[in-house]
């Protein structure tokens, strides 16, 4: 059976208070201006576990995603096909995605621009071709790849693998790896010259009775930084204020999280991450200051009673630069309440 779906989302952000000569919190358009936009407007066809979505929509892929840390997401004018083949011989479950993305609406914008312009190629009208596949031969192992190509601008290839091992009934280990390669293509309209760079990263996580400890490390090639103009950076070492993705940067992260349900506080969880980046440079080879960042996040979710669907998130971040480069603090308080109306 083929099902037909339609959907739309309207977004609006209004200024309550703030001086016009200050940058604000990133919730308004520059500088301190309200905005509104029909961010999603799509039709879709679904057959079993395969779906084709046309026109304005949200996409959730590495380097191509909604990046909704400021409440209003990136959305895209795109034509996408996604699906899942289950229980295939040898390879198990196979998930795929492919399509063409013509334009992007960034989080605080009320207009769509071409993917080439969003990347920094001024006055260039080019869209993005994307294709990806994820193979899961067993329940504890997955490997995937996705490629994004913008003609005459640049190409991004992303690879990732995940492996989980249950050691006891309470103790699990998970090991993740990722690799990104980016390079200019065609007429190289992005920076007027050729560039090529890569990122390699690994992460190890151990979970035990609601407690999870994480360690990660990443290395960026010295020739150029990793670009992510179409969404959040998927690197394992990436926090609220810094992505640690500059040229030549070497970074590492330590994190711990805990679900307090085991001690009687149902719905409450928290995590803390610390990351440090060293040896970062500009693409021209100039040294950048070393950086370190700490994030603390607390979540409270209600899944029963009259407040079911309520979610409170409080986040704090401190970013410190070496030498006299200064520091930066951020505090974010987010309230969500999802409730049925029909």
Protein backbone atom coordinates (compact mmCIF):
# COMPACT_ATOMS: atom_id res chain seq x y z
CA UNK A 1 0.00 0.00 0.00
CA UNK A 2 1.23 3.49 -0.89
CA UNK A 3 0.39 6.26 1.55
CA UNK A 4 0.25 9.96 0.70
CA UNK A 5 1.32 12.52 3.31
CA UNK A 6 1.45 16.30 3.49
CA UNK A 7 3.05 18.45 6.17
CA UNK A 8 4.03 22.00 7.01
CA UNK A 9 5.77 23.88 9.83
CA UNK A 10 5.70 27.61 10.45
CA UNK A 11 8.45 29.17 12.56
CA UNK A 12 8.50 32.56 14.26
CA UNK A 13 10.90 34.22 16.69
CA UNK A 14 10.08 37.58 18.29
CA UNK A 15 12.21 40.05 20.16
CA UNK A 16 11.12 40.59 23.77
CA UNK A 17 14.02 42.68 25.06
CA UNK A 18 17.51 43.60 23.91
CA UNK A 19 19.62 46.49 22.67
CA UNK A 20 19.85 46.80 18.89
CA UNK A 21 23.61 47.29 19.06
CA UNK A 22 24.24 43.96 20.83
CA UNK A 23 24.63 40.57 19.21
CA UNK A 24 22.03 38.76 21.28
CA UNK A 25 21.69 35.04 21.93
CA UNK A 26 21.37 33.66 18.42
CA UNK A 27 17.58 33.27 18.69
CA UNK A 28 16.87 36.27 16.43
CA UNK A 29 18.01 37.37 13.01
CA UNK A 30 20.97 39.81 12.95
CA UNK A 31 20.87 42.19 14.63
CA UNK A 32 18.14 41.53 17.22
CA UNK A 33 15.40 41.28 14.58
CA UNK A 34 12.29 39.10 14.67
CA UNK A 35 11.59 36.73 11.80
CA UNK A 36 9.03 34.25 10.56
CA UNK A 37 9.11 31.66 7.79
CA UNK A 38 7.27 28.66 6.40
CA UNK A 39 10.17 26.32 7.06
CA UNK A 40 8.53 23.06 6.05
CA UNK A 41 5.98 22.44 3.30
CA UNK A 42 6.18 18.98 1.79
CA UNK A 43 4.36 16.12 0.19
CA UNK A 44 5.52 12.55 0.71
CA UNK A 45 4.82 9.06 -0.59
CA UNK A 46 5.43 6.08 1.69
CA UNK A 47 5.49 2.39 0.79
CA UNK A 48 6.30 0.07 3.66
CA UNK A 49 9.68 1.34 4.94
CA UNK A 50 10.51 3.51 1.92
CA UNK A 51 9.60 7.20 1.71
CA UNK A 52 10.00 9.94 -0.88
CA UNK A 53 9.70 13.52 0.44
CA UNK A 54 9.42 16.54 -1.86
CA UNK A 55 10.09 20.25 -1.25
CA UNK A 56 10.66 22.00 2.10
CA UNK A 57 11.70 19.51 4.77
CA UNK A 58 14.04 18.57 7.60
CA UNK A 59 17.01 16.33 6.76
CA UNK A 60 18.98 14.42 9.38
CA UNK A 61 22.33 13.28 7.97
CA UNK A 62 25.95 13.93 9.04
CA UNK A 63 26.93 17.44 7.86
CA UNK A 64 23.41 17.94 6.45
CA UNK A 65 20.92 18.42 9.27
CA UNK A 66 18.62 20.70 11.25
CA UNK A 67 21.20 21.77 13.87
CA UNK A 68 18.40 23.06 16.11
CA UNK A 69 20.41 24.20 19.14
CA UNK A 70 18.63 27.56 18.85
CA UNK A 71 15.10 26.03 18.77
CA UNK A 72 14.36 26.87 15.11
CA UNK A 73 16.08 24.37 12.81
CA UNK A 74 17.77 24.48 9.44
CA UNK A 75 15.33 23.32 6.77
CA UNK A 76 15.91 22.48 3.12
CA UNK A 77 14.20 22.66 -0.25
CA UNK A 78 14.99 19.12 -1.31
CA UNK A 79 13.82 15.96 -3.03
CA UNK A 80 14.80 12.95 -0.91
CA UNK A 81 14.30 9.20 -0.99
CA UNK A 82 14.97 7.20 2.18
CA UNK A 83 14.29 3.59 3.09
CA UNK A 84 15.21 0.39 4.87
CA UNK A 85 15.65 -3.19 3.66
CA UNK A 86 15.52 -5.59 6.60
CA UNK A 87 17.24 -8.95 7.07
CA UNK A 88 19.19 -9.06 3.83
CA UNK A 89 21.57 -12.00 3.27
CA UNK A 90 25.04 -11.43 4.81
CA UNK A 91 24.61 -7.66 5.32
CA UNK A 92 21.50 -7.71 7.55
CA UNK A 93 19.57 -4.44 7.68
CA UNK A 94 20.40 -1.88 4.97
CA UNK A 95 19.28 1.74 5.32
CA UNK A 96 19.74 4.20 2.45
CA UNK A 97 19.20 7.86 1.59
CA UNK A 98 19.63 9.72 -1.68
CA UNK A 99 18.47 12.95 -3.20
CA UNK A 100 19.03 16.48 -4.39
CA UNK A 101 19.06 19.50 -2.06
CA UNK A 102 18.50 22.79 -3.86
CA UNK A 103 18.44 25.37 -1.05
CA UNK A 104 18.82 25.81 2.70
CA UNK A 105 17.08 28.05 5.23
CA UNK A 106 19.45 28.61 8.11
CA UNK A 107 18.18 28.68 11.69
CA UNK A 108 17.62 32.42 12.10
CA UNK A 109 16.83 33.24 8.47
CA UNK A 110 13.48 33.77 6.78
CA UNK A 111 14.75 33.00 3.28
CA UNK A 112 16.27 30.09 1.36
CA UNK A 113 19.60 30.36 -0.44
CA UNK A 114 21.49 27.96 -2.70
CA UNK A 115 23.75 25.35 -1.14
CA UNK A 116 26.77 26.89 -2.90
CA UNK A 117 26.04 30.32 -1.43
CA UNK A 118 25.55 28.82 2.03
CA UNK A 119 29.03 27.31 1.76
CA UNK A 120 30.53 30.71 0.93
CA UNK A 121 30.58 30.77 -2.88
CA UNK A 122 29.16 34.27 -3.39
CA UNK A 123 26.63 34.60 -6.21
CA UNK A 124 26.89 30.93 -7.19
CA UNK A 125 23.71 28.90 -7.71
CA UNK A 126 24.46 25.21 -7.15
CA UNK A 127 22.57 22.48 -5.35
CA UNK A 128 23.86 19.46 -3.44
CA UNK A 129 23.64 15.80 -4.44
CA UNK A 130 23.71 13.35 -1.55
CA UNK A 131 23.77 9.56 -1.18
CA UNK A 132 24.34 7.41 1.86
CA UNK A 133 24.09 3.85 3.12
CA UNK A 134 24.25 2.18 6.54
CA UNK A 135 24.71 -1.59 6.90
CA UNK A 136 23.94 -3.44 10.13
CA UNK A 137 24.86 -7.13 9.80
CA UNK A 138 24.31 -7.77 13.54
CA UNK A 139 22.50 -5.94 16.32
CA UNK A 140 25.80 -4.76 17.82
CA UNK A 141 27.68 -3.62 14.68
CA UNK A 142 26.94 -0.91 12.12
CA UNK A 143 28.98 0.74 9.40
CA UNK A 144 27.85 3.62 7.21
CA UNK A 145 28.93 6.16 4.61
CA UNK A 146 27.43 9.32 3.14
CA UNK A 147 28.67 11.69 0.43
CA UNK A 148 27.60 15.29 -0.25
CA UNK A 149 28.63 16.84 -3.58
CA UNK A 150 28.19 20.48 -4.65
CA UNK A 151 29.37 20.93 -8.23
CA UNK A 152 32.25 23.41 -8.66
CA UNK A 153 32.36 23.94 -4.87
CA UNK A 154 33.33 21.04 -2.61
CA UNK A 155 32.68 17.42 -1.71
CA UNK A 156 32.34 15.80 1.73
CA UNK A 157 32.71 12.07 2.34
CA UNK A 158 31.86 10.77 5.82
CA UNK A 159 32.41 7.24 7.18
CA UNK A 160 31.41 5.90 10.60
CA UNK A 161 31.34 2.55 12.40
CA UNK A 162 29.80 1.51 15.74
CA UNK A 163 30.46 -1.68 17.71
CA UNK A 164 28.88 -2.62 21.05
CA UNK A 165 29.99 -5.47 23.31
CA UNK A 166 27.98 -6.65 26.32
CA UNK A 167 30.47 -7.85 28.93
CA UNK A 168 27.96 -8.57 31.72
CA UNK A 169 24.26 -7.94 32.34
CA UNK A 170 25.14 -4.46 33.65
CA UNK A 171 28.32 -3.55 31.78
CA UNK A 172 28.48 -2.59 28.07
CA UNK A 173 31.34 -1.25 25.98
CA UNK A 174 30.92 0.71 22.75
CA UNK A 175 33.63 1.70 20.27
CA UNK A 176 32.99 4.22 17.49
CA UNK A 177 35.22 5.45 14.68
CA UNK A 178 34.69 8.19 12.10
CA UNK A 179 36.51 9.64 9.12
CA UNK A 180 35.77 12.72 7.02
CA UNK A 181 37.42 13.77 3.77
CA UNK A 182 36.70 17.14 2.15
CA UNK A 183 38.07 18.67 -1.03
CA UNK A 184 37.29 21.34 -3.58
CA UNK A 185 35.88 20.14 -6.91
CA UNK A 186 35.35 21.41 -10.45
CA UNK A 187 35.98 25.14 -10.84
CA UNK A 188 36.71 25.43 -7.08
CA UNK A 189 34.46 28.45 -6.61
CA UNK A 190 34.49 28.27 -2.79
CA UNK A 191 37.90 29.81 -2.12
CA UNK A 192 39.24 30.24 -5.66
CA UNK A 193 41.87 27.57 -5.12
CA UNK A 194 42.06 23.87 -4.44
CA UNK A 195 41.98 22.44 -0.91
CA UNK A 196 41.87 18.98 0.60
CA UNK A 197 41.62 17.95 4.25
CA UNK A 198 40.50 15.13 6.52
CA UNK A 199 39.40 14.29 10.08
CA UNK A 200 39.96 11.02 11.95
CA UNK A 201 38.37 10.32 15.32
CA UNK A 202 37.63 7.51 17.76
CA UNK A 203 35.46 7.16 20.84
CA UNK A 204 35.15 4.58 23.63
CA UNK A 205 32.18 4.48 26.02
CA UNK A 206 31.46 2.20 28.98
CA UNK A 207 28.01 2.02 30.60
CA UNK A 208 27.21 0.48 33.97
CA UNK A 209 23.91 0.73 35.88
CA UNK A 210 22.92 4.14 34.52
CA UNK A 211 26.46 5.53 34.57
CA UNK A 212 28.32 6.12 31.30
CA UNK A 213 31.95 7.20 30.93
CA UNK A 214 33.26 8.40 27.54
CA UNK A 215 36.68 9.16 26.07
CA UNK A 216 37.29 10.46 22.55
CA UNK A 217 40.12 11.88 20.46
CA UNK A 218 40.33 13.53 17.03
CA UNK A 219 42.93 14.78 14.55
CA UNK A 220 42.39 17.30 11.72
CA UNK A 221 44.71 17.47 8.71
CA UNK A 222 47.01 20.51 8.64
CA UNK A 223 45.97 21.72 5.18
CA UNK A 224 42.49 23.08 6.01
CA UNK A 225 39.73 23.10 8.59
CA UNK A 226 36.66 20.88 8.34
CA UNK A 227 33.66 22.80 6.97
CA UNK A 228 30.05 22.26 8.07
CA UNK A 229 27.90 24.99 6.47
CA UNK A 230 24.78 22.78 6.21
CA UNK A 231 24.34 21.64 9.81
CA UNK A 232 26.03 20.64 13.02
CA UNK A 233 29.49 19.12 12.96
CA UNK A 234 29.23 15.35 13.70
CA UNK A 235 32.66 15.02 15.32
CA UNK A 236 32.98 13.08 18.57
CA UNK A 237 34.93 16.02 20.03
CA UNK A 238 32.36 18.78 19.60
CA UNK A 239 30.76 20.80 22.42
CA UNK A 240 28.39 23.74 22.83
CA UNK A 241 30.77 26.51 21.81
CA UNK A 242 33.64 24.85 19.96
CA UNK A 243 33.76 22.08 17.36
CA UNK A 244 37.56 21.66 17.65
CA UNK A 245 37.73 21.32 13.85
CA UNK A 246 40.48 23.79 12.88
CA UNK A 247 43.35 22.83 10.61
CA UNK A 248 46.05 20.73 12.33
CA UNK A 249 44.00 20.58 15.55
CA UNK A 250 44.46 17.64 17.91
CA UNK A 251 41.71 17.29 20.49
CA UNK A 252 40.42 14.95 23.14
CA UNK A 253 37.31 14.65 25.31
CA UNK A 254 36.32 13.05 28.61
CA UNK A 255 32.68 12.76 29.62
CA UNK A 256 30.40 11.21 32.20
CA UNK A 257 26.61 10.90 32.29
CA UNK A 258 24.14 9.45 34.78
CA UNK A 259 20.45 8.52 34.80
CA UNK A 260 19.11 9.22 38.30
CA UNK A 261 16.11 6.90 37.90
CA UNK A 262 18.14 4.16 39.59
CA UNK A 263 18.26 6.24 42.78
CA UNK A 264 14.56 7.13 42.70
CA UNK A 265 14.63 10.38 40.69
CA UNK A 266 12.70 9.29 37.62
CA UNK A 267 13.11 11.54 34.57
CA UNK A 268 16.27 13.26 35.80
CA UNK A 269 19.56 12.78 33.98
CA UNK A 270 22.77 14.75 33.59
CA UNK A 271 26.07 14.72 31.71
CA UNK A 272 29.38 16.56 31.94
CA UNK A 273 31.96 16.85 29.13
CA UNK A 274 35.45 18.33 29.10
CA UNK A 275 37.44 18.79 25.88
CA UNK A 276 40.76 20.32 24.94
CA UNK A 277 42.20 21.25 21.55
CA UNK A 278 45.88 21.91 20.77
CA UNK A 279 48.04 22.99 17.81
CA UNK A 280 45.17 24.54 15.81
CA UNK A 281 46.05 26.71 12.84
CA UNK A 282 44.36 28.80 10.20
CA UNK A 283 44.38 27.37 6.68
CA UNK A 284 47.30 29.71 5.90
CA UNK A 285 49.35 28.19 8.74
CA UNK A 286 49.01 30.90 11.43
CA UNK A 287 48.81 29.55 14.97
CA UNK A 288 45.53 29.70 16.88
CA UNK A 289 45.23 29.62 20.68
CA UNK A 290 44.75 26.29 22.42
CA UNK A 291 41.21 25.88 23.75
CA UNK A 292 39.45 23.98 26.49
CA UNK A 293 35.73 23.75 27.16
CA UNK A 294 33.56 22.24 29.87
CA UNK A 295 29.82 21.57 29.44
CA UNK A 296 27.29 20.65 32.13
CA UNK A 297 23.77 19.60 31.13
CA UNK A 298 20.78 18.56 33.26
CA UNK A 299 17.53 17.16 31.82
CA UNK A 300 14.20 16.53 33.49
CA UNK A 301 11.48 14.74 31.52
CA UNK A 302 7.94 13.81 32.59
CA UNK A 303 6.40 10.76 30.92
CA UNK A 304 3.17 10.36 32.90
CA UNK A 305 0.36 12.40 34.40
CA UNK A 306 -0.93 15.82 33.39
CA UNK A 307 2.60 17.09 32.61
CA UNK A 308 3.45 14.19 30.34
CA UNK A 309 5.59 15.52 27.49
CA UNK A 310 7.23 18.24 29.63
CA UNK A 311 11.02 18.54 29.24
CA UNK A 312 13.29 21.00 31.02
CA UNK A 313 16.92 21.27 29.87
CA UNK A 314 19.54 23.49 31.52
CA UNK A 315 22.99 23.78 29.91
CA UNK A 316 26.12 25.69 30.93
CA UNK A 317 29.38 26.02 29.04
CA UNK A 318 32.74 27.64 29.74
CA UNK A 319 35.22 28.06 26.89
CA UNK A 320 38.75 29.20 27.69
CA UNK A 321 41.48 30.28 25.24
CA UNK A 322 45.18 30.10 26.06
CA UNK A 323 47.28 33.21 26.53
CA UNK A 324 45.39 36.50 26.49
CA UNK A 325 42.68 35.34 24.07
CA UNK A 326 40.02 35.42 26.81
CA UNK A 327 37.08 33.16 27.62
CA UNK A 328 33.36 32.78 27.05
CA UNK A 329 30.41 31.51 29.11
CA UNK A 330 26.97 30.38 27.93
CA UNK A 331 23.82 29.45 29.87
CA UNK A 332 20.84 27.95 28.04
CA UNK A 333 17.47 27.11 29.60
CA UNK A 334 15.07 25.26 27.31
CA UNK A 335 11.45 24.34 28.05
CA UNK A 336 9.55 21.89 25.84
CA UNK A 337 5.99 20.71 26.32
CA UNK A 338 4.56 18.29 23.80
CA UNK A 339 0.90 17.40 24.23
CA UNK A 340 -1.81 15.81 22.06
CA UNK A 341 -4.59 18.01 20.70
CA UNK A 342 -6.66 15.29 19.01
